[in-house]
């Protein structure tokens, strides 16, 4: 999702288009849309919408696994993400019904920072942490109980 929060004419988008296996199109306001085929029909979606769908799925999967409703998230993004891109990630999480507690740069920082911030409430804390790397979206579900982390 390296193009989330960027405009179609952005230099990084234009240089990367030749490597991506999907079509990017420009909407009437110059914003970037991804052309996808869904149920036999072509649709153009904003990257934020696609990320919101992914986060919704992650939220539902985590909720089923934990047998609870997941409402909060710690999200890490690549260091090179600018403020607009970070805001777009937070907006996507909000669309997915998640309250973003932190948007951080590194995977380990997301887990450790949230762990220490909530130290007083640590009797039984469960988190879903989404790692947005350069190309791949890694998902990690962590469960802390009595200060021990498990995957």
Protein backbone atom coordinates (compact mmCIF):
# COMPACT_ATOMS: atom_id res chain seq x y z
CA UNK A 1 0.00 0.00 0.00
CA UNK A 2 2.91 2.33 -0.61
CA UNK A 3 0.65 4.54 -2.73
CA UNK A 4 -1.98 5.12 -0.03
CA UNK A 5 -2.53 8.82 0.59
CA UNK A 6 -0.85 9.85 -2.66
CA UNK A 7 -2.23 11.54 -5.76
CA UNK A 8 -2.17 9.91 -9.18
CA UNK A 9 0.42 12.39 -10.52
CA UNK A 10 2.81 11.79 -7.62
CA UNK A 11 6.27 10.86 -8.91
CA UNK A 12 6.48 7.76 -6.69
CA UNK A 13 3.16 6.48 -8.04
CA UNK A 14 4.13 7.09 -11.66
CA UNK A 15 7.50 5.37 -11.30
CA UNK A 16 5.99 2.36 -9.51
CA UNK A 17 3.04 1.78 -11.85
CA UNK A 18 5.02 -0.33 -14.29
CA UNK A 19 5.81 -2.87 -11.54
CA UNK A 20 2.32 -3.39 -10.11
CA UNK A 21 0.06 -6.11 -11.50
CA UNK A 22 -3.06 -3.93 -11.31
CA UNK A 23 -4.32 -0.81 -13.01
CA UNK A 24 -4.25 2.60 -11.35
CA UNK A 25 -6.59 5.28 -12.63
CA UNK A 26 -7.05 8.96 -11.95
CA UNK A 27 -10.40 10.24 -10.68
CA UNK A 28 -11.82 13.66 -11.55
CA UNK A 29 -10.04 15.29 -8.57
CA UNK A 30 -6.62 13.84 -9.41
CA UNK A 31 -6.85 11.19 -6.71
CA UNK A 32 -5.59 7.67 -7.23
CA UNK A 33 -7.92 4.70 -7.63
CA UNK A 34 -7.16 1.02 -8.05
CA UNK A 35 -9.13 -0.86 -10.68
CA UNK A 36 -10.18 -4.29 -9.47
CA UNK A 37 -12.51 -7.01 -10.64
CA UNK A 38 -15.05 -8.07 -8.04
CA UNK A 39 -17.75 -10.66 -8.75
CA UNK A 40 -17.14 -10.34 -12.47
CA UNK A 41 -17.44 -6.54 -12.54
CA UNK A 42 -14.73 -3.91 -12.71
CA UNK A 43 -14.67 -1.41 -9.87
CA UNK A 44 -12.42 1.52 -9.07
CA UNK A 45 -11.60 1.85 -5.37
CA UNK A 46 -9.48 4.28 -3.40
CA UNK A 47 -6.51 2.64 -1.64
CA UNK A 48 -8.06 3.68 1.68
CA UNK A 49 -11.18 1.65 0.86
CA UNK A 50 -9.13 -1.44 0.05
CA UNK A 51 -7.13 -1.09 3.26
CA UNK A 52 -10.38 -0.65 5.23
CA UNK A 53 -11.66 -3.94 3.77
CA UNK A 54 -8.43 -5.69 4.78
CA UNK A 55 -8.57 -4.25 8.29
CA UNK A 56 -12.24 -5.24 8.62
CA UNK A 57 -11.31 -8.80 7.74
CA UNK A 58 -8.41 -8.75 10.21
CA UNK A 59 -10.70 -7.36 12.91
CA UNK A 60 -13.32 -10.07 12.33
CA UNK A 61 -10.71 -12.85 12.26
CA UNK A 62 -9.10 -11.59 15.47
CA UNK A 63 -12.48 -11.21 17.15
CA UNK A 64 -13.43 -14.78 16.25
CA UNK A 65 -10.09 -16.13 17.45
CA UNK A 66 -10.21 -14.17 20.72
CA UNK A 67 -13.96 -14.66 21.21
CA UNK A 68 -14.39 -10.93 21.81
CA UNK A 69 -14.96 -7.71 19.89
CA UNK A 70 -11.79 -6.02 18.68
CA UNK A 71 -12.06 -2.24 18.83
CA UNK A 72 -8.51 -0.92 19.25
CA UNK A 73 -5.40 -1.23 17.07
CA UNK A 74 -1.74 -0.28 17.04
CA UNK A 75 -0.57 0.19 13.46
CA UNK A 76 2.98 0.50 12.21
CA UNK A 77 3.90 1.98 8.87
CA UNK A 78 7.16 2.28 6.96
CA UNK A 79 9.41 5.07 8.15
CA UNK A 80 9.15 6.84 4.81
CA UNK A 81 5.35 7.33 5.14
CA UNK A 82 4.55 11.04 5.30
CA UNK A 83 1.84 12.63 7.46
CA UNK A 84 -0.78 12.43 4.71
CA UNK A 85 -0.15 8.70 4.29
CA UNK A 86 -0.29 8.11 8.04
CA UNK A 87 -3.60 10.00 8.17
CA UNK A 88 -4.93 7.86 5.32
CA UNK A 89 -4.06 4.70 7.27
CA UNK A 90 -5.86 6.04 10.35
CA UNK A 91 -8.88 6.95 8.20
CA UNK A 92 -8.95 3.42 6.79
CA UNK A 93 -8.90 1.98 10.29
CA UNK A 94 -11.77 4.26 11.30
CA UNK A 95 -13.79 3.03 8.31
CA UNK A 96 -13.08 -0.51 9.55
CA UNK A 97 -14.40 0.41 12.99
CA UNK A 98 -11.04 0.45 14.73
CA UNK A 99 -9.79 3.04 17.18
CA UNK A 100 -6.11 3.55 16.38
CA UNK A 101 -4.16 3.91 19.61
CA UNK A 102 -0.83 4.55 17.89
CA UNK A 103 0.67 4.78 14.41
CA UNK A 104 4.34 3.96 14.77
CA UNK A 105 7.33 3.34 12.53
CA UNK A 106 8.62 -0.04 13.62
CA UNK A 107 6.94 -3.32 14.32
CA UNK A 108 8.63 -3.92 17.64
CA UNK A 109 7.97 -0.35 18.76
CA UNK A 110 4.25 -0.83 18.20
CA UNK A 111 4.07 -3.88 20.42
CA UNK A 112 6.41 -2.64 23.12
CA UNK A 113 5.08 0.91 23.32
CA UNK A 114 1.48 -0.16 23.68
CA UNK A 115 2.54 -2.82 26.19
CA UNK A 116 4.22 -0.24 28.44
CA UNK A 117 1.58 2.48 27.97
CA UNK A 118 -1.09 0.14 29.35
CA UNK A 119 1.10 -1.36 32.08
CA UNK A 120 -1.47 -0.58 34.80
CA UNK A 121 -4.24 -2.40 32.92
CA UNK A 122 -2.18 -5.44 32.07
CA UNK A 123 -4.18 -8.19 33.74
CA UNK A 124 -5.37 -9.45 30.38
CA UNK A 125 -4.81 -7.36 27.25
CA UNK A 126 -5.22 -8.47 23.66
CA UNK A 127 -4.16 -6.48 20.61
CA UNK A 128 -4.18 -6.78 16.88
CA UNK A 129 -1.14 -5.20 15.32
CA UNK A 130 -0.95 -4.53 11.61
CA UNK A 131 2.49 -4.10 10.05
CA UNK A 132 2.53 -2.23 6.76
CA UNK A 133 5.83 -3.04 5.11
CA UNK A 134 6.99 -1.94 1.69
CA UNK A 135 4.92 -4.41 -0.32
CA UNK A 136 3.50 -6.96 2.10
CA UNK A 137 0.95 -6.54 4.85
CA UNK A 138 2.03 -8.65 7.82
CA UNK A 139 -0.50 -9.36 10.53
CA UNK A 140 0.38 -10.25 14.06
CA UNK A 141 -2.04 -11.07 16.84
CA UNK A 142 -0.51 -10.68 20.28
CA UNK A 143 -1.93 -11.66 23.62
CA UNK A 144 -0.38 -10.47 26.85
CA UNK A 145 -1.15 -12.12 30.13
CA UNK A 146 0.88 -11.52 33.29
CA UNK A 147 3.56 -9.65 31.31
CA UNK A 148 4.28 -12.55 28.97
CA UNK A 149 3.76 -12.08 25.26
CA UNK A 150 2.67 -14.94 23.04
CA UNK A 151 1.83 -15.25 19.37
